[in-house]
Amino acid sequence: MKFTAVPAKMEMDVCHCSMCRRWSGGAFMAVNCGTSVEIEDEAALSTYSSSEWGERRFCSKCGSSLFWRGVHDGMMVVSMQAFAEPERFHFAEEIFIDNKPANYDFANDTHRMTGEEFLAALAAKQEAEHG
């Protein structure tokens, strides 16, 4: 599975929603790459529509969780560990912080948003872009 992607920023974010935790085996650590992702062989990917606003894409051969894609805008976030040098990304934000289990915490000082706050920000962004 080969792809190219240009990160919107040299930042990674974490999602604590129950779907991401189940899908990735923990908090999903991802890098927003906007619409820059180019996949060499689309047939190597499987897609799961996980909600009305997003879908998850994974390797059909090994099962690796690779991408989350917004269905309305095509924005893709890429699993941080899919990059050759994942340590170069700054840990910036945690979303669905209200869904995070109590048995772990990150020590980093991040911007944190509840699920409600994140979904409201996403809706406002989509409204501004698409009217």
N, C-alpha and C. Protein backbone atom coordinates (compact mmCIF):
# COMPACT_ATOMS: atom_id res chain seq x y z
N MET A 1 0.86 -1.18 0.00
CA MET A 1 0.00 0.00 0.00
C MET A 1 0.90 1.23 0.00
N LYS A 2 0.88 1.97 -1.07
CA LYS A 2 1.68 3.19 -1.17
C LYS A 2 0.78 4.38 -1.41
N PHE A 3 1.15 5.50 -0.77
CA PHE A 3 0.41 6.74 -0.95
C PHE A 3 1.36 7.90 -0.74
N THR A 4 0.95 9.06 -1.23
CA THR A 4 1.65 10.31 -0.92
C THR A 4 0.64 11.24 -0.27
N ALA A 5 1.14 12.09 0.61
CA ALA A 5 0.27 13.03 1.31
C ALA A 5 1.09 14.21 1.78
N VAL A 6 0.47 15.38 1.74
CA VAL A 6 1.12 16.59 2.23
C VAL A 6 0.34 17.05 3.48
N PRO A 7 0.96 16.97 4.65
CA PRO A 7 0.27 17.41 5.86
C PRO A 7 -0.11 18.89 5.79
N ALA A 8 -1.32 19.22 6.26
CA ALA A 8 -1.75 20.62 6.31
C ALA A 8 -0.84 21.40 7.27
N LYS A 9 -0.43 20.76 8.35
CA LYS A 9 0.50 21.31 9.34
C LYS A 9 1.34 20.14 9.84
N MET A 10 2.46 20.44 10.44
CA MET A 10 3.29 19.38 11.01
C MET A 10 2.78 19.05 12.42
N GLU A 11 1.48 18.73 12.46
CA GLU A 11 0.81 18.43 13.72
C GLU A 11 0.03 17.14 13.60
N MET A 12 -0.08 16.44 14.72
CA MET A 12 -0.96 15.28 14.78
C MET A 12 -1.98 15.53 15.86
N ASP A 13 -3.15 14.98 15.62
CA ASP A 13 -4.27 15.12 16.54
C ASP A 13 -4.70 13.72 16.98
N VAL A 14 -5.41 13.65 18.07
CA VAL A 14 -5.88 12.38 18.60
C VAL A 14 -7.40 12.42 18.75
N CYS A 15 -8.05 11.34 18.32
CA CYS A 15 -9.49 11.21 18.50
C CYS A 15 -9.76 10.10 19.52
N HIS A 16 -10.59 10.43 20.51
CA HIS A 16 -10.94 9.49 21.57
C HIS A 16 -12.35 8.92 21.40
N CYS A 17 -13.01 9.17 20.26
CA CYS A 17 -14.38 8.65 20.10
C CYS A 17 -14.35 7.12 20.13
N SER A 18 -15.47 6.53 20.48
CA SER A 18 -15.52 5.08 20.61
C SER A 18 -15.24 4.37 19.29
N MET A 19 -15.67 4.95 18.17
CA MET A 19 -15.41 4.32 16.87
C MET A 19 -13.92 4.30 16.56
N CYS A 20 -13.23 5.42 16.77
CA CYS A 20 -11.79 5.47 16.50
C CYS A 20 -11.02 4.54 17.42
N ARG A 21 -11.40 4.50 18.70
CA ARG A 21 -10.71 3.62 19.64
C ARG A 21 -10.89 2.16 19.25
N ARG A 22 -12.08 1.79 18.83
CA ARG A 22 -12.33 0.41 18.41
C ARG A 22 -11.58 0.09 17.13
N TRP A 23 -11.58 1.03 16.18
CA TRP A 23 -10.98 0.84 14.86
C TRP A 23 -9.46 0.75 14.93
N SER A 24 -8.86 1.58 15.78
CA SER A 24 -7.40 1.64 15.81
C SER A 24 -6.78 0.88 16.98
N GLY A 25 -7.59 0.33 17.85
CA GLY A 25 -7.05 -0.38 19.00
C GLY A 25 -6.57 0.55 20.09
N GLY A 26 -7.01 1.79 20.08
CA GLY A 26 -6.63 2.81 21.05
C GLY A 26 -7.02 4.15 20.50
N ALA A 27 -6.51 5.20 21.08
CA ALA A 27 -6.79 6.54 20.54
C ALA A 27 -6.20 6.63 19.13
N PHE A 28 -6.96 7.19 18.19
CA PHE A 28 -6.49 7.30 16.80
C PHE A 28 -5.63 8.55 16.68
N MET A 29 -4.35 8.35 16.37
CA MET A 29 -3.40 9.45 16.19
C MET A 29 -3.26 9.71 14.71
N ALA A 30 -3.63 10.92 14.28
CA ALA A 30 -3.72 11.17 12.85
C ALA A 30 -3.24 12.57 12.47
N VAL A 31 -2.91 12.70 11.18
CA VAL A 31 -2.40 13.94 10.61
C VAL A 31 -3.38 14.39 9.53
N ASN A 32 -3.86 15.63 9.62
CA ASN A 32 -4.77 16.18 8.61
C ASN A 32 -3.97 16.47 7.34
N CYS A 33 -4.35 15.82 6.25
CA CYS A 33 -3.67 16.03 4.97
C CYS A 33 -4.61 16.64 3.93
N GLY A 34 -5.76 17.14 4.39
CA GLY A 34 -6.70 17.79 3.47
C GLY A 34 -7.07 16.87 2.32
N THR A 35 -6.99 17.39 1.11
CA THR A 35 -7.31 16.59 -0.08
C THR A 35 -6.05 16.21 -0.85
N SER A 36 -4.89 16.27 -0.20
CA SER A 36 -3.62 16.02 -0.89
C SER A 36 -3.27 14.54 -1.04
N VAL A 37 -4.01 13.66 -0.40
CA VAL A 37 -3.64 12.24 -0.40
C VAL A 37 -3.85 11.63 -1.78
N GLU A 38 -2.81 10.99 -2.28
CA GLU A 38 -2.89 10.26 -3.55
C GLU A 38 -2.50 8.82 -3.27
N ILE A 39 -3.39 7.91 -3.63
CA ILE A 39 -3.20 6.50 -3.36
C ILE A 39 -2.79 5.81 -4.65
N GLU A 40 -1.71 5.04 -4.57
CA GLU A 40 -1.16 4.40 -5.76
C GLU A 40 -2.09 3.32 -6.31
N ASP A 41 -2.70 2.53 -5.43
CA ASP A 41 -3.55 1.43 -5.86
C ASP A 41 -4.82 1.40 -5.01
N GLU A 42 -5.87 2.07 -5.50
CA GLU A 42 -7.14 2.15 -4.76
C GLU A 42 -7.70 0.76 -4.45
N ALA A 43 -7.43 -0.23 -5.31
CA ALA A 43 -7.94 -1.58 -5.09
C ALA A 43 -7.35 -2.22 -3.84
N ALA A 44 -6.23 -1.68 -3.35
CA ALA A 44 -5.59 -2.21 -2.14
C ALA A 44 -6.29 -1.73 -0.87
N LEU A 45 -7.28 -0.85 -1.01
CA LEU A 45 -7.98 -0.30 0.15
C LEU A 45 -9.41 -0.81 0.24
N SER A 46 -9.87 -0.98 1.45
CA SER A 46 -11.29 -1.23 1.71
C SER A 46 -11.83 -0.01 2.45
N THR A 47 -13.12 0.22 2.32
CA THR A 47 -13.75 1.39 2.93
C THR A 47 -14.93 0.96 3.78
N TYR A 48 -15.02 1.54 4.96
CA TYR A 48 -16.14 1.30 5.86
C TYR A 48 -16.80 2.64 6.16
N SER A 49 -18.08 2.78 5.81
CA SER A 49 -18.82 4.01 6.12
C SER A 49 -19.23 3.94 7.58
N SER A 50 -18.55 4.73 8.41
CA SER A 50 -18.76 4.62 9.86
C SER A 50 -19.77 5.62 10.42
N SER A 51 -20.09 6.65 9.64
CA SER A 51 -21.07 7.63 10.10
C SER A 51 -21.58 8.40 8.89
N GLU A 52 -22.53 9.30 9.12
CA GLU A 52 -23.07 10.09 8.01
C GLU A 52 -22.07 11.10 7.50
N TRP A 53 -20.99 11.35 8.24
CA TRP A 53 -20.03 12.37 7.83
C TRP A 53 -18.62 11.84 7.63
N GLY A 54 -18.39 10.54 7.84
CA GLY A 54 -17.03 10.04 7.65
C GLY A 54 -16.97 8.57 7.31
N GLU A 55 -15.85 8.20 6.70
CA GLU A 55 -15.60 6.79 6.40
C GLU A 55 -14.16 6.45 6.72
N ARG A 56 -13.94 5.20 7.00
CA ARG A 56 -12.62 4.72 7.38
C ARG A 56 -12.08 3.83 6.26
N ARG A 57 -10.79 4.03 5.96
CA ARG A 57 -10.18 3.28 4.87
C ARG A 57 -9.00 2.51 5.45
N PHE A 58 -8.89 1.25 5.04
CA PHE A 58 -7.85 0.39 5.59
C PHE A 58 -7.30 -0.52 4.50
N CYS A 59 -6.09 -1.05 4.74
CA CYS A 59 -5.44 -1.92 3.77
C CYS A 59 -6.20 -3.23 3.66
N SER A 60 -6.57 -3.61 2.44
CA SER A 60 -7.30 -4.85 2.21
C SER A 60 -6.44 -6.08 2.45
N LYS A 61 -5.12 -5.91 2.38
CA LYS A 61 -4.21 -7.05 2.53
C LYS A 61 -3.84 -7.32 3.98
N CYS A 62 -3.44 -6.29 4.72
CA CYS A 62 -2.96 -6.51 6.09
C CYS A 62 -3.92 -5.99 7.15
N GLY A 63 -4.91 -5.19 6.77
CA GLY A 63 -5.89 -4.68 7.71
C GLY A 63 -5.50 -3.41 8.44
N SER A 64 -4.34 -2.83 8.12
CA SER A 64 -3.89 -1.62 8.80
C SER A 64 -4.88 -0.47 8.63
N SER A 65 -5.19 0.19 9.74
CA SER A 65 -6.05 1.38 9.73
C SER A 65 -5.22 2.54 9.20
N LEU A 66 -5.62 3.11 8.07
CA LEU A 66 -4.78 4.12 7.42
C LEU A 66 -5.38 5.51 7.34
N PHE A 67 -6.65 5.62 6.93
CA PHE A 67 -7.22 6.92 6.63
C PHE A 67 -8.63 7.06 7.19
N TRP A 68 -8.97 8.28 7.56
CA TRP A 68 -10.35 8.67 7.81
C TRP A 68 -10.65 9.75 6.79
N ARG A 69 -11.79 9.64 6.09
CA ARG A 69 -12.13 10.61 5.04
C ARG A 69 -13.51 11.20 5.31
N GLY A 70 -13.58 12.54 5.22
CA GLY A 70 -14.86 13.24 5.33
C GLY A 70 -15.66 13.04 4.06
N VAL A 71 -16.91 12.62 4.19
CA VAL A 71 -17.70 12.34 3.00
C VAL A 71 -18.17 13.60 2.29
N HIS A 72 -18.26 14.73 3.00
CA HIS A 72 -18.75 15.96 2.38
C HIS A 72 -17.67 16.76 1.69
N ASP A 73 -16.47 16.72 2.23
CA ASP A 73 -15.40 17.57 1.68
C ASP A 73 -14.19 16.80 1.17
N GLY A 74 -14.16 15.48 1.34
CA GLY A 74 -13.03 14.69 0.86
C GLY A 74 -11.76 14.85 1.68
N MET A 75 -11.84 15.62 2.79
CA MET A 75 -10.67 15.78 3.64
C MET A 75 -10.25 14.43 4.20
N MET A 76 -8.94 14.19 4.19
CA MET A 76 -8.45 12.93 4.74
C MET A 76 -7.45 13.18 5.85
N VAL A 77 -7.60 12.41 6.91
CA VAL A 77 -6.58 12.37 7.94
C VAL A 77 -5.90 11.01 7.83
N VAL A 78 -4.61 11.02 8.02
CA VAL A 78 -3.79 9.83 7.81
C VAL A 78 -3.24 9.37 9.16
N SER A 79 -3.26 8.08 9.40
CA SER A 79 -2.67 7.56 10.62
C SER A 79 -1.23 8.04 10.74
N MET A 80 -0.90 8.62 11.87
CA MET A 80 0.44 9.16 12.07
C MET A 80 1.51 8.09 11.86
N GLN A 81 1.23 6.87 12.26
CA GLN A 81 2.21 5.80 12.15
C GLN A 81 2.42 5.32 10.71
N ALA A 82 1.60 5.78 9.78
CA ALA A 82 1.79 5.42 8.37
C ALA A 82 2.89 6.25 7.71
N PHE A 83 3.32 7.32 8.39
CA PHE A 83 4.41 8.16 7.86
C PHE A 83 5.76 7.56 8.24
N ALA A 84 6.76 7.78 7.39
CA ALA A 84 8.10 7.24 7.61
C ALA A 84 8.74 7.76 8.90
N GLU A 85 8.46 9.01 9.25
CA GLU A 85 9.04 9.61 10.46
C GLU A 85 7.94 10.23 11.32
N PRO A 86 7.14 9.39 11.99
CA PRO A 86 6.00 9.92 12.74
C PRO A 86 6.39 10.85 13.89
N GLU A 87 7.59 10.72 14.39
CA GLU A 87 8.00 11.55 15.53
C GLU A 87 8.17 13.02 15.18
N ARG A 88 8.17 13.35 13.91
CA ARG A 88 8.36 14.76 13.52
C ARG A 88 7.09 15.61 13.70
N PHE A 89 5.96 14.98 13.96
CA PHE A 89 4.71 15.72 14.14
C PHE A 89 4.52 16.16 15.59
N HIS A 90 4.12 17.41 15.77
CA HIS A 90 3.81 17.97 17.09
C HIS A 90 2.40 17.55 17.50
N PHE A 91 2.24 17.07 18.71
CA PHE A 91 0.94 16.65 19.24
C PHE A 91 0.16 17.91 19.62
N ALA A 92 -0.90 18.23 18.85
CA ALA A 92 -1.58 19.52 18.99
C ALA A 92 -2.96 19.46 19.64
N GLU A 93 -3.78 18.45 19.30
CA GLU A 93 -5.19 18.52 19.68
C GLU A 93 -5.74 17.14 20.02
N GLU A 94 -6.71 17.13 20.94
CA GLU A 94 -7.46 15.92 21.27
C GLU A 94 -8.94 16.24 21.10
N ILE A 95 -9.64 15.38 20.36
CA ILE A 95 -11.08 15.57 20.16
C ILE A 95 -11.85 14.41 20.80
N PHE A 96 -13.11 14.66 21.06
CA PHE A 96 -13.97 13.71 21.79
C PHE A 96 -13.34 13.38 23.14
N ILE A 97 -12.77 14.41 23.78
CA ILE A 97 -12.10 14.22 25.07
C ILE A 97 -13.07 13.69 26.12
N ASP A 98 -14.36 13.98 25.94
CA ASP A 98 -15.37 13.49 26.87
C ASP A 98 -15.65 12.00 26.70
N ASN A 99 -15.13 11.38 25.64
CA ASN A 99 -15.28 9.93 25.42
C ASN A 99 -14.03 9.16 25.83
N LYS A 100 -12.98 9.86 26.24
CA LYS A 100 -11.72 9.21 26.60
C LYS A 100 -11.92 8.39 27.86
N PRO A 101 -11.52 7.11 27.85
CA PRO A 101 -11.62 6.31 29.06
C PRO A 101 -10.73 6.89 30.17
N ALA A 102 -11.10 6.64 31.40
CA ALA A 102 -10.36 7.18 32.55
C ALA A 102 -9.03 6.46 32.78
N ASN A 103 -8.79 5.33 32.11
CA ASN A 103 -7.59 4.55 32.40
C ASN A 103 -6.33 4.99 31.65
N TYR A 104 -6.38 6.09 30.91
CA TYR A 104 -5.16 6.65 30.30
C TYR A 104 -5.29 8.15 30.15
N ASP A 105 -4.14 8.81 30.10
CA ASP A 105 -4.06 10.25 29.85
C ASP A 105 -2.77 10.52 29.09
N PHE A 106 -2.76 11.56 28.27
CA PHE A 106 -1.54 12.02 27.63
C PHE A 106 -1.00 13.19 28.45
N ALA A 107 0.31 13.25 28.60
CA ALA A 107 0.94 14.30 29.39
C ALA A 107 1.06 15.61 28.62
N ASN A 108 0.96 15.56 27.31
CA ASN A 108 1.14 16.75 26.47
C ASN A 108 0.07 17.80 26.76
N ASP A 109 0.45 19.06 26.62
CA ASP A 109 -0.48 20.17 26.76
C ASP A 109 -1.12 20.41 25.39
N THR A 110 -2.34 19.92 25.20
CA THR A 110 -3.00 19.99 23.90
C THR A 110 -4.28 20.81 23.99
N HIS A 111 -4.76 21.25 22.83
CA HIS A 111 -6.10 21.84 22.74
C HIS A 111 -7.07 20.68 22.81
N ARG A 112 -8.07 20.77 23.67
CA ARG A 112 -9.02 19.67 23.86
C ARG A 112 -10.44 20.13 23.54
N MET A 113 -11.16 19.26 22.83
CA MET A 113 -12.55 19.56 22.47
C MET A 113 -13.43 18.35 22.80
N THR A 114 -14.61 18.61 23.33
CA THR A 114 -15.59 17.54 23.53
C THR A 114 -16.13 17.13 22.16
N GLY A 115 -16.85 16.03 22.12
CA GLY A 115 -17.49 15.63 20.88
C GLY A 115 -18.45 16.67 20.37
N GLU A 116 -19.24 17.25 21.27
CA GLU A 116 -20.20 18.29 20.89
C GLU A 116 -19.49 19.51 20.31
N GLU A 117 -18.41 19.93 20.94
CA GLU A 117 -17.64 21.09 20.45
C GLU A 117 -17.03 20.81 19.08
N PHE A 118 -16.48 19.61 18.92
CA PHE A 118 -15.87 19.25 17.64
C PHE A 118 -16.91 19.21 16.52
N LEU A 119 -18.04 18.56 16.76
CA LEU A 119 -19.08 18.45 15.73
C LEU A 119 -19.66 19.81 15.38
N ALA A 120 -19.80 20.70 16.36
CA ALA A 120 -20.28 22.06 16.09
C ALA A 120 -19.27 22.82 15.23
N ALA A 121 -17.98 22.67 15.52
CA ALA A 121 -16.94 23.33 14.73
C ALA A 121 -16.91 22.77 13.31
N LEU A 122 -17.08 21.45 13.18
CA LEU A 122 -17.11 20.82 11.86
C LEU A 122 -18.31 21.31 11.05
N ALA A 123 -19.48 21.39 11.67
CA ALA A 123 -20.69 21.87 10.98
C ALA A 123 -20.52 23.32 10.55
N ALA A 124 -19.94 24.15 11.41
CA ALA A 124 -19.71 25.56 11.06
C ALA A 124 -18.74 25.68 9.90
N LYS A 125 -17.72 24.86 9.89
CA LYS A 125 -16.74 24.88 8.80
C LYS A 125 -17.40 24.47 7.48
N GLN A 126 -18.20 23.40 7.52
CA GLN A 126 -18.88 22.94 6.30
C GLN A 126 -19.88 23.97 5.81
N GLU A 127 -20.58 24.64 6.72
CA GLU A 127 -21.54 25.67 6.34
C GLU A 127 -20.82 26.84 5.67
N ALA A 128 -19.70 27.24 6.23
CA ALA A 128 -18.93 28.35 5.67
C ALA A 128 -18.38 28.02 4.28
N GLU A 129 -18.00 26.77 4.09
CA GLU A 129 -17.41 26.36 2.81
C GLU A 129 -18.46 26.08 1.73
N HIS A 130 -19.61 25.55 2.14
CA HIS A 130 -20.59 25.09 1.16
C HIS A 130 -21.92 25.84 1.20
N GLY A 131 -22.06 26.74 2.17
CA GLY A 131 -23.27 27.56 2.24
C GLY A 131 -24.49 26.87 2.60
